[in-house]
Amino acid sequence: MFRFKKFGIMQDKCAMKVGTDGTLLGAWVKAKSPEQILDIGTGTGLIAMMLAQRFVNAQIKAIEIDSNASQQTAENFQNTPWINRLFLEHISLQEFQHAPSFDLIVSNPPYFENNLKANNKKRTQARHTDTLSFETLIECSSKLLNKNGSLAIILPSESKDKVEAIAQKNHLHLNRLCWVKGTEKTAIKRALLQFSFQEKLLEENTLVVEKERHVYTEEYTEMCKEFYLKM
């Protein structure tokens, strides 16, 4: 079990394990007292549980297409203090319907396009966009958001421009952007993006995760200290 300060995650049945990407998104996303949250492709349930911890009045719906991951997420939800606010549905985004609309939608989506497929079928599904394209993710999210809602995702940095263009076609504007680097000397690898239907002055910054191996920067520590045991 991977233990955080207020919850633990079993992940032996999940193709994609707990990692920095999901933790970053769960800690970084910004919302003002959201009441309805959707986590698309929840995997282990990590982001949904982080948001349940952060937003105490929110009802969080998590959807997951993989049956094994769904089963494990259900177990993880049962063992949290927020079981009465966490809801799971084993369903694809394309089939999912919900009312009322959402104040916040989050996703750590599949991100490999036109790359060699992983040997493990479940891991391939979790990592490649074949089962959930960026176009589908954003188009469906735009229909599920309320007029004041926002969509937050984490992506490889090279996908940022493509995803922003897709969002614009769906009337979603980039409001927040955070470039993520492993260390000061390494290249930018990830981008955190948050969109809404409102045009706003872009809030942009760069986050460096580590000073050196397993020595975290003050910024990353401040962002994640409510979750990681050793921060």
C-alpha atoms as a PDB file:
ATOM      1  CA  MET A   1       0.000   0.000   0.000  1.00  0.00           C
ATOM      2  CA  PHE A   2       1.187   3.521  -0.834  1.00  0.00           C
ATOM      3  CA  ARG A   3       0.478   5.644   2.238  1.00  0.00           C
ATOM      4  CA  PHE A   4      -0.293   9.338   2.312  1.00  0.00           C
ATOM      5  CA  LYS A   5      -0.941  11.359   5.470  1.00  0.00           C
ATOM      6  CA  LYS A   6      -4.716  10.883   5.488  1.00  0.00           C
ATOM      7  CA  PHE A   7      -5.316   7.918   3.176  1.00  0.00           C
ATOM      8  CA  GLY A   8      -3.657   4.896   1.638  1.00  0.00           C
ATOM      9  CA  ILE A   9      -3.745   3.467  -1.879  1.00  0.00           C
ATOM     10  CA  MET A  10      -3.744  -0.162  -2.917  1.00  0.00           C
ATOM     11  CA  GLN A  11      -2.553  -0.378  -6.507  1.00  0.00           C
ATOM     12  CA  ASP A  12      -1.601  -3.961  -7.373  1.00  0.00           C
ATOM     13  CA  LYS A  13      -4.569  -4.256  -9.797  1.00  0.00           C
ATOM     14  CA  CYS A  14      -3.954  -0.914 -11.507  1.00  0.00           C
ATOM     15  CA  ALA A  15      -1.865  -0.570 -14.663  1.00  0.00           C
ATOM     16  CA  MET A  16      -0.615   2.897 -13.780  1.00  0.00           C
ATOM     17  CA  LYS A  17       0.713   3.272 -10.244  1.00  0.00           C
ATOM     18  CA  VAL A  18       0.800   6.296  -7.957  1.00  0.00           C
ATOM     19  CA  GLY A  19       3.207   8.817  -9.452  1.00  0.00           C
ATOM     20  CA  THR A  20       4.278  12.423  -9.417  1.00  0.00           C
ATOM     21  CA  ASP A  21       1.900  13.428 -12.237  1.00  0.00           C
ATOM     22  CA  GLY A  22      -1.285  12.596 -10.362  1.00  0.00           C
ATOM     23  CA  THR A  23      -0.036  14.047  -7.100  1.00  0.00           C
ATOM     24  CA  LEU A  24       0.981  17.270  -8.834  1.00  0.00           C
ATOM     25  CA  LEU A  25      -2.422  17.710 -10.434  1.00  0.00           C
ATOM     26  CA  GLY A  26      -4.317  16.965  -7.231  1.00  0.00           C
ATOM     27  CA  ALA A  27      -2.239  19.471  -5.279  1.00  0.00           C
ATOM     28  CA  TRP A  28      -1.981  22.193  -7.969  1.00  0.00           C
ATOM     29  CA  VAL A  29      -5.539  22.564  -9.220  1.00  0.00           C
ATOM     30  CA  LYS A  30      -7.321  25.668  -7.980  1.00  0.00           C
ATOM     31  CA  ALA A  31     -11.056  26.016  -7.346  1.00  0.00           C
ATOM     32  CA  LYS A  32     -13.274  28.171  -5.166  1.00  0.00           C
ATOM     33  CA  SER A  33     -15.457  25.971  -2.965  1.00  0.00           C
ATOM     34  CA  PRO A  34     -16.435  23.444  -5.662  1.00  0.00           C
ATOM     35  CA  GLU A  35     -19.460  21.301  -4.860  1.00  0.00           C
ATOM     36  CA  GLN A  36     -19.434  18.917  -7.837  1.00  0.00           C
ATOM     37  CA  ILE A  37     -16.096  17.473  -9.076  1.00  0.00           C
ATOM     38  CA  LEU A  38     -15.404  14.869 -11.766  1.00  0.00           C
ATOM     39  CA  ASP A  39     -12.180  12.836 -12.039  1.00  0.00           C
ATOM     40  CA  ILE A  40     -11.889  11.303 -15.525  1.00  0.00           C
ATOM     41  CA  GLY A  41      -9.867   8.081 -15.728  1.00  0.00           C
ATOM     42  CA  THR A  42      -9.359   7.947 -11.987  1.00  0.00           C
ATOM     43  CA  GLY A  43      -6.981   4.938 -11.994  1.00  0.00           C
ATOM     44  CA  THR A  44      -6.156   4.269  -8.344  1.00  0.00           C
ATOM     45  CA  GLY A  45      -8.475   7.064  -7.202  1.00  0.00           C
ATOM     46  CA  LEU A  46      -5.519   9.190  -6.073  1.00  0.00           C
ATOM     47  CA  ILE A  47      -6.635  12.558  -7.457  1.00  0.00           C
ATOM     48  CA  ALA A  48     -10.237  12.067  -6.342  1.00  0.00           C
ATOM     49  CA  MET A  49      -9.089  11.356  -2.784  1.00  0.00           C
ATOM     50  CA  MET A  50      -6.723  14.321  -2.760  1.00  0.00           C
ATOM     51  CA  LEU A  51      -9.583  16.582  -3.826  1.00  0.00           C
ATOM     52  CA  ALA A  52     -11.870  15.093  -1.182  1.00  0.00           C
ATOM     53  CA  GLN A  53      -9.218  16.032   1.383  1.00  0.00           C
ATOM     54  CA  ARG A  54      -8.797  19.550  -0.014  1.00  0.00           C
ATOM     55  CA  PHE A  55     -12.408  20.506  -0.734  1.00  0.00           C
ATOM     56  CA  VAL A  56     -14.470  19.487   2.282  1.00  0.00           C
ATOM     57  CA  ASN A  57     -17.881  20.378   0.813  1.00  0.00           C
ATOM     58  CA  ALA A  58     -17.384  18.679  -2.550  1.00  0.00           C
ATOM     59  CA  GLN A  59     -19.043  15.576  -3.934  1.00  0.00           C
ATOM     60  CA  ILE A  60     -16.469  13.824  -6.124  1.00  0.00           C
ATOM     61  CA  LYS A  61     -17.473  11.533  -8.981  1.00  0.00           C
ATOM     62  CA  ALA A  62     -14.737   9.312 -10.411  1.00  0.00           C
ATOM     63  CA  ILE A  63     -15.056   7.358 -13.650  1.00  0.00           C
ATOM     64  CA  GLU A  64     -12.781   4.573 -14.879  1.00  0.00           C
ATOM     65  CA  ILE A  65     -13.028   2.323 -17.949  1.00  0.00           C
ATOM     66  CA  ASP A  66     -10.767  -0.489 -16.683  1.00  0.00           C
ATOM     67  CA  SER A  67     -12.612  -3.072 -14.571  1.00  0.00           C
ATOM     68  CA  ASN A  68      -9.640  -4.044 -12.381  1.00  0.00           C
ATOM     69  CA  ALA A  69      -8.769  -0.434 -11.643  1.00  0.00           C
ATOM     70  CA  SER A  70     -12.435   0.309 -10.874  1.00  0.00           C
ATOM     71  CA  GLN A  71     -12.579  -2.555  -8.401  1.00  0.00           C
ATOM     72  CA  GLN A  72      -9.441  -1.371  -6.644  1.00  0.00           C
ATOM     73  CA  THR A  73     -10.544   2.255  -6.590  1.00  0.00           C
ATOM     74  CA  ALA A  74     -13.783   1.192  -4.909  1.00  0.00           C
ATOM     75  CA  GLU A  75     -11.725  -0.526  -2.197  1.00  0.00           C
ATOM     76  CA  ASN A  76      -9.521   2.547  -1.807  1.00  0.00           C
ATOM     77  CA  PHE A  77     -12.557   4.828  -1.473  1.00  0.00           C
ATOM     78  CA  GLN A  78     -14.048   2.547   1.194  1.00  0.00           C
ATOM     79  CA  ASN A  79     -10.962   3.024   3.347  1.00  0.00           C
ATOM     80  CA  THR A  80     -10.970   6.831   3.333  1.00  0.00           C
ATOM     81  CA  PRO A  81     -12.602   9.258   5.789  1.00  0.00           C
ATOM     82  CA  TRP A  82     -14.602  10.652   2.840  1.00  0.00           C
ATOM     83  CA  ILE A  83     -16.494   7.568   1.664  1.00  0.00           C
ATOM     84  CA  ASN A  84     -19.788   9.504   1.829  1.00  0.00           C
ATOM     85  CA  ARG A  85     -18.456  12.058  -0.714  1.00  0.00           C
ATOM     86  CA  LEU A  86     -16.615   9.774  -3.150  1.00  0.00           C
ATOM     87  CA  PHE A  87     -18.565   8.037  -5.916  1.00  0.00           C
ATOM     88  CA  LEU A  88     -17.210   5.673  -8.559  1.00  0.00           C
ATOM     89  CA  GLU A  89     -18.663   4.585 -11.893  1.00  0.00           C
ATOM     90  CA  HIS A  90     -17.120   1.936 -14.164  1.00  0.00           C
ATOM     91  CA  ILE A  91     -17.832   3.630 -17.489  1.00  0.00           C
ATOM     92  CA  SER A  92     -16.159   5.388 -20.406  1.00  0.00           C
ATOM     93  CA  LEU A  93     -16.258   9.165 -20.663  1.00  0.00           C
ATOM     94  CA  GLN A  94     -18.108   8.861 -23.977  1.00  0.00           C
ATOM     95  CA  GLU A  95     -20.965   6.981 -22.266  1.00  0.00           C
ATOM     96  CA  PHE A  96     -20.999   9.000 -19.055  1.00  0.00           C
ATOM     97  CA  GLN A  97     -23.906  11.348 -18.382  1.00  0.00           C
ATOM     98  CA  HIS A  98     -24.478  13.462 -15.309  1.00  0.00           C
ATOM     99  CA  ALA A  99     -26.694  16.157 -13.884  1.00  0.00           C
ATOM    100  CA  PRO A 100     -26.084  18.654 -12.392  1.00  0.00           C
ATOM    101  CA  SER A 101     -23.020  19.905 -14.251  1.00  0.00           C
ATOM    102  CA  PHE A 102     -19.580  20.082 -12.645  1.00  0.00           C
ATOM    103  CA  ASP A 103     -17.715  22.948 -10.989  1.00  0.00           C
ATOM    104  CA  LEU A 104     -14.381  21.225 -11.596  1.00  0.00           C
ATOM    105  CA  ILE A 105     -13.187  18.420 -13.868  1.00  0.00           C
ATOM    106  CA  VAL A 106      -9.713  16.907 -13.510  1.00  0.00           C
ATOM    107  CA  SER A 107      -7.859  14.309 -15.544  1.00  0.00           C
ATOM    108  CA  ASN A 108      -4.424  12.748 -15.755  1.00  0.00           C
ATOM    109  CA  PRO A 109      -5.201  11.394 -19.227  1.00  0.00           C
ATOM    110  CA  PRO A 110      -3.489   8.895 -21.535  1.00  0.00           C
ATOM    111  CA  TYR A 111      -0.761  10.777 -23.328  1.00  0.00           C
ATOM    112  CA  PHE A 112       1.218   8.641 -25.772  1.00  0.00           C
ATOM    113  CA  GLU A 113       0.224   9.207 -29.393  1.00  0.00           C
ATOM    114  CA  ASN A 114       1.679   7.218 -32.301  1.00  0.00           C
ATOM    115  CA  ASN A 115       4.295   5.648 -30.034  1.00  0.00           C
ATOM    116  CA  LEU A 116       5.187   1.991 -29.660  1.00  0.00           C
ATOM    117  CA  LYS A 117       2.548   0.330 -27.546  1.00  0.00           C
ATOM    118  CA  ALA A 118       3.494  -1.104 -24.167  1.00  0.00           C
ATOM    119  CA  ASN A 119       3.562  -4.904 -23.992  1.00  0.00           C
ATOM    120  CA  ASN A 120       1.034  -4.941 -21.153  1.00  0.00           C
ATOM    121  CA  LYS A 121      -2.482  -4.360 -22.539  1.00  0.00           C
ATOM    122  CA  LYS A 122      -3.776  -2.615 -19.405  1.00  0.00           C
ATOM    123  CA  ARG A 123      -0.739  -0.350 -19.238  1.00  0.00           C
ATOM    124  CA  THR A 124      -1.142   0.431 -22.944  1.00  0.00           C
ATOM    125  CA  GLN A 125      -4.763   1.434 -22.358  1.00  0.00           C
ATOM    126  CA  ALA A 126      -3.805   3.629 -19.422  1.00  0.00           C
ATOM    127  CA  ARG A 127      -0.931   5.357 -21.241  1.00  0.00           C
ATOM    128  CA  HIS A 128      -2.069   5.706 -24.875  1.00  0.00           C
ATOM    129  CA  THR A 129      -4.704   8.057 -26.260  1.00  0.00           C
ATOM    130  CA  ASP A 130      -6.434   5.367 -28.357  1.00  0.00           C
ATOM    131  CA  THR A 131      -9.122   4.843 -25.703  1.00  0.00           C
ATOM    132  CA  LEU A 132      -9.450   8.527 -24.782  1.00  0.00           C
ATOM    133  CA  SER A 133      -8.182  11.114 -27.244  1.00  0.00           C
ATOM    134  CA  PHE A 134      -7.449  14.686 -26.236  1.00  0.00           C
ATOM    135  CA  GLU A 135     -10.307  15.757 -28.528  1.00  0.00           C
ATOM    136  CA  THR A 136     -12.802  13.491 -26.767  1.00  0.00           C
ATOM    137  CA  LEU A 137     -11.569  14.480 -23.312  1.00  0.00           C
ATOM    138  CA  ILE A 138     -11.974  18.192 -23.948  1.00  0.00           C
ATOM    139  CA  GLU A 139     -15.174  18.054 -25.986  1.00  0.00           C
ATOM    140  CA  CYS A 140     -16.950  15.889 -23.402  1.00  0.00           C
ATOM    141  CA  SER A 141     -15.591  17.974 -20.522  1.00  0.00           C
ATOM    142  CA  SER A 142     -16.870  21.184 -22.102  1.00  0.00           C
ATOM    143  CA  LYS A 143     -20.377  19.694 -22.117  1.00  0.00           C
ATOM    144  CA  LEU A 144     -20.157  18.481 -18.514  1.00  0.00           C
ATOM    145  CA  LEU A 145     -18.835  21.744 -17.026  1.00  0.00           C
ATOM    146  CA  ASN A 146     -21.121  24.470 -15.766  1.00  0.00           C
ATOM    147  CA  LYS A 147     -20.584  28.003 -17.073  1.00  0.00           C
ATOM    148  CA  ASN A 148     -18.265  28.913 -14.185  1.00  0.00           C
ATOM    149  CA  GLY A 149     -16.509  25.545 -14.034  1.00  0.00           C
ATOM    150  CA  SER A 150     -12.943  24.657 -14.982  1.00  0.00           C
ATOM    151  CA  LEU A 151     -10.989  21.747 -16.445  1.00  0.00           C
ATOM    152  CA  ALA A 152      -7.512  20.886 -15.123  1.00  0.00           C
ATOM    153  CA  ILE A 153      -5.162  18.343 -16.701  1.00  0.00           C
ATOM    154  CA  ILE A 154      -1.500  17.312 -16.703  1.00  0.00           C
ATOM    155  CA  LEU A 155       0.236  16.498 -19.991  1.00  0.00           C
ATOM    156  CA  PRO A 156       3.643  16.030 -21.571  1.00  0.00           C
ATOM    157  CA  SER A 157       4.886  19.551 -22.281  1.00  0.00           C
ATOM    158  CA  GLU A 158       5.035  18.928 -26.037  1.00  0.00           C
ATOM    159  CA  SER A 159       1.247  18.345 -26.111  1.00  0.00           C
ATOM    160  CA  LYS A 160       0.404  21.732 -24.602  1.00  0.00           C
ATOM    161  CA  ASP A 161      -0.126  23.687 -27.843  1.00  0.00           C
ATOM    162  CA  LYS A 162      -2.236  20.957 -29.432  1.00  0.00           C
ATOM    163  CA  VAL A 163      -4.458  20.642 -26.380  1.00  0.00           C
ATOM    164  CA  GLU A 164      -4.840  24.396 -26.032  1.00  0.00           C
ATOM    165  CA  ALA A 165      -5.974  24.596 -29.672  1.00  0.00           C
ATOM    166  CA  ILE A 166      -8.552  21.845 -29.094  1.00  0.00           C
ATOM    167  CA  ALA A 167      -9.775  23.656 -25.985  1.00  0.00           C
ATOM    168  CA  GLN A 168     -10.225  26.911 -27.899  1.00  0.00           C
ATOM    169  CA  LYS A 169     -12.417  25.116 -30.439  1.00  0.00           C
ATOM    170  CA  ASN A 170     -14.609  24.117 -27.499  1.00  0.00           C
ATOM    171  CA  HIS A 171     -14.716  27.690 -26.108  1.00  0.00           C
ATOM    172  CA  LEU A 172     -12.347  26.896 -23.250  1.00  0.00           C
ATOM    173  CA  HIS A 173      -9.587  29.391 -22.447  1.00  0.00           C
ATOM    174  CA  LEU A 174      -6.269  28.620 -20.768  1.00  0.00           C
ATOM    175  CA  ASN A 175      -6.237  30.465 -17.421  1.00  0.00           C
ATOM    176  CA  ARG A 176      -3.379  28.743 -15.573  1.00  0.00           C
ATOM    177  CA  LEU A 177      -0.208  27.074 -16.848  1.00  0.00           C
ATOM    178  CA  CYS A 178       2.591  25.478 -14.843  1.00  0.00           C
ATOM    179  CA  TRP A 179       5.648  24.003 -16.537  1.00  0.00           C
ATOM    180  CA  VAL A 180       7.193  21.146 -14.530  1.00  0.00           C
ATOM    181  CA  LYS A 181      10.908  20.262 -14.419  1.00  0.00           C
ATOM    182  CA  GLY A 182      12.486  17.375 -12.532  1.00  0.00           C
ATOM    183  CA  THR A 183      15.488  19.515 -11.539  1.00  0.00           C
ATOM    184  CA  GLU A 184      16.748  22.974 -12.420  1.00  0.00           C
ATOM    185  CA  LYS A 185      19.102  21.521 -15.030  1.00  0.00           C
ATOM    186  CA  THR A 186      16.684  19.126 -16.737  1.00  0.00           C
ATOM    187  CA  ALA A 187      14.281  19.917 -19.552  1.00  0.00           C
ATOM    188  CA  ILE A 188      10.623  20.693 -18.981  1.00  0.00           C
ATOM    189  CA  LYS A 189       8.712  17.404 -19.132  1.00  0.00           C
ATOM    190  CA  ARG A 190       5.158  18.169 -18.017  1.00  0.00           C
ATOM    191  CA  ALA A 191       2.607  20.951 -18.216  1.00  0.00           C
ATOM    192  CA  LEU A 192      -0.272  21.547 -15.812  1.00  0.00           C
ATOM    193  CA  LEU A 193      -3.144  23.361 -17.529  1.00  0.00           C
ATOM    194  CA  GLN A 194      -6.416  24.761 -16.210  1.00  0.00           C
ATOM    195  CA  PHE A 195      -9.143  25.992 -18.566  1.00  0.00           C
ATOM    196  CA  SER A 196     -12.468  27.767 -18.144  1.00  0.00           C
ATOM    197  CA  PHE A 197     -15.080  29.445 -20.327  1.00  0.00           C
ATOM    198  CA  GLN A 198     -13.816  32.837 -19.099  1.00  0.00           C
ATOM    199  CA  GLU A 199     -10.944  34.691 -20.751  1.00  0.00           C
ATOM    200  CA  LYS A 200      -8.491  35.753 -18.050  1.00  0.00           C
ATOM    201  CA  LEU A 201      -4.925  36.975 -17.846  1.00  0.00           C
ATOM    202  CA  LEU A 202      -2.796  33.824 -18.018  1.00  0.00           C
ATOM    203  CA  GLU A 203      -1.209  32.793 -14.724  1.00  0.00           C
ATOM    204  CA  GLU A 204       2.029  31.067 -15.783  1.00  0.00           C
ATOM    205  CA  ASN A 205       4.964  29.725 -13.793  1.00  0.00           C
ATOM    206  CA  THR A 206       7.561  26.938 -13.664  1.00  0.00           C
ATOM    207  CA  LEU A 207       7.837  24.365 -10.885  1.00  0.00           C
ATOM    208  CA  VAL A 208      11.085  22.499 -10.165  1.00  0.00           C
ATOM    209  CA  VAL A 209      10.452  19.278  -8.229  1.00  0.00           C
ATOM    210  CA  GLU A 210      13.899  18.349  -6.863  1.00  0.00           C
ATOM    211  CA  LYS A 211      17.112  20.147  -5.897  1.00  0.00           C
ATOM    212  CA  GLU A 212      18.854  16.775  -6.151  1.00  0.00           C
ATOM    213  CA  ARG A 213      17.760  13.156  -5.900  1.00  0.00           C
ATOM    214  CA  HIS A 214      15.051  12.889  -3.180  1.00  0.00           C
ATOM    215  CA  VAL A 215      15.715  16.442  -1.975  1.00  0.00           C
ATOM    216  CA  TYR A 216      12.609  18.426  -2.857  1.00  0.00           C
ATOM    217  CA  THR A 217      12.411  22.139  -3.566  1.00  0.00           C
ATOM    218  CA  GLU A 218      10.593  24.456  -1.190  1.00  0.00           C
ATOM    219  CA  GLU A 219       7.905  25.101  -3.822  1.00  0.00           C
ATOM    220  CA  TYR A 220       7.159  21.415  -4.377  1.00  0.00           C
ATOM    221  CA  THR A 221       7.214  20.727  -0.635  1.00  0.00           C
ATOM    222  CA  GLU A 222       4.786  23.578   0.029  1.00  0.00           C
ATOM    223  CA  MET A 223       2.450  22.260  -2.676  1.00  0.00           C
ATOM    224  CA  CYS A 224       2.434  18.633  -1.496  1.00  0.00           C
ATOM    225  CA  LYS A 225       3.126  18.762   2.244  1.00  0.00           C
ATOM    226  CA  GLU A 226      -0.504  18.074   3.196  1.00  0.00           C
ATOM    227  CA  PHE A 227      -0.294  14.720   1.421  1.00  0.00           C
ATOM    228  CA  TYR A 228       3.152  13.090   1.495  1.00  0.00           C
ATOM    229  CA  LEU A 229       4.134  11.420   4.775  1.00  0.00           C
ATOM    230  CA  LYS A 230       7.731  12.667   4.830  1.00  0.00           C
ATOM    231  CA  MET A 231       7.093  16.328   4.069  1.00  0.00           C
END
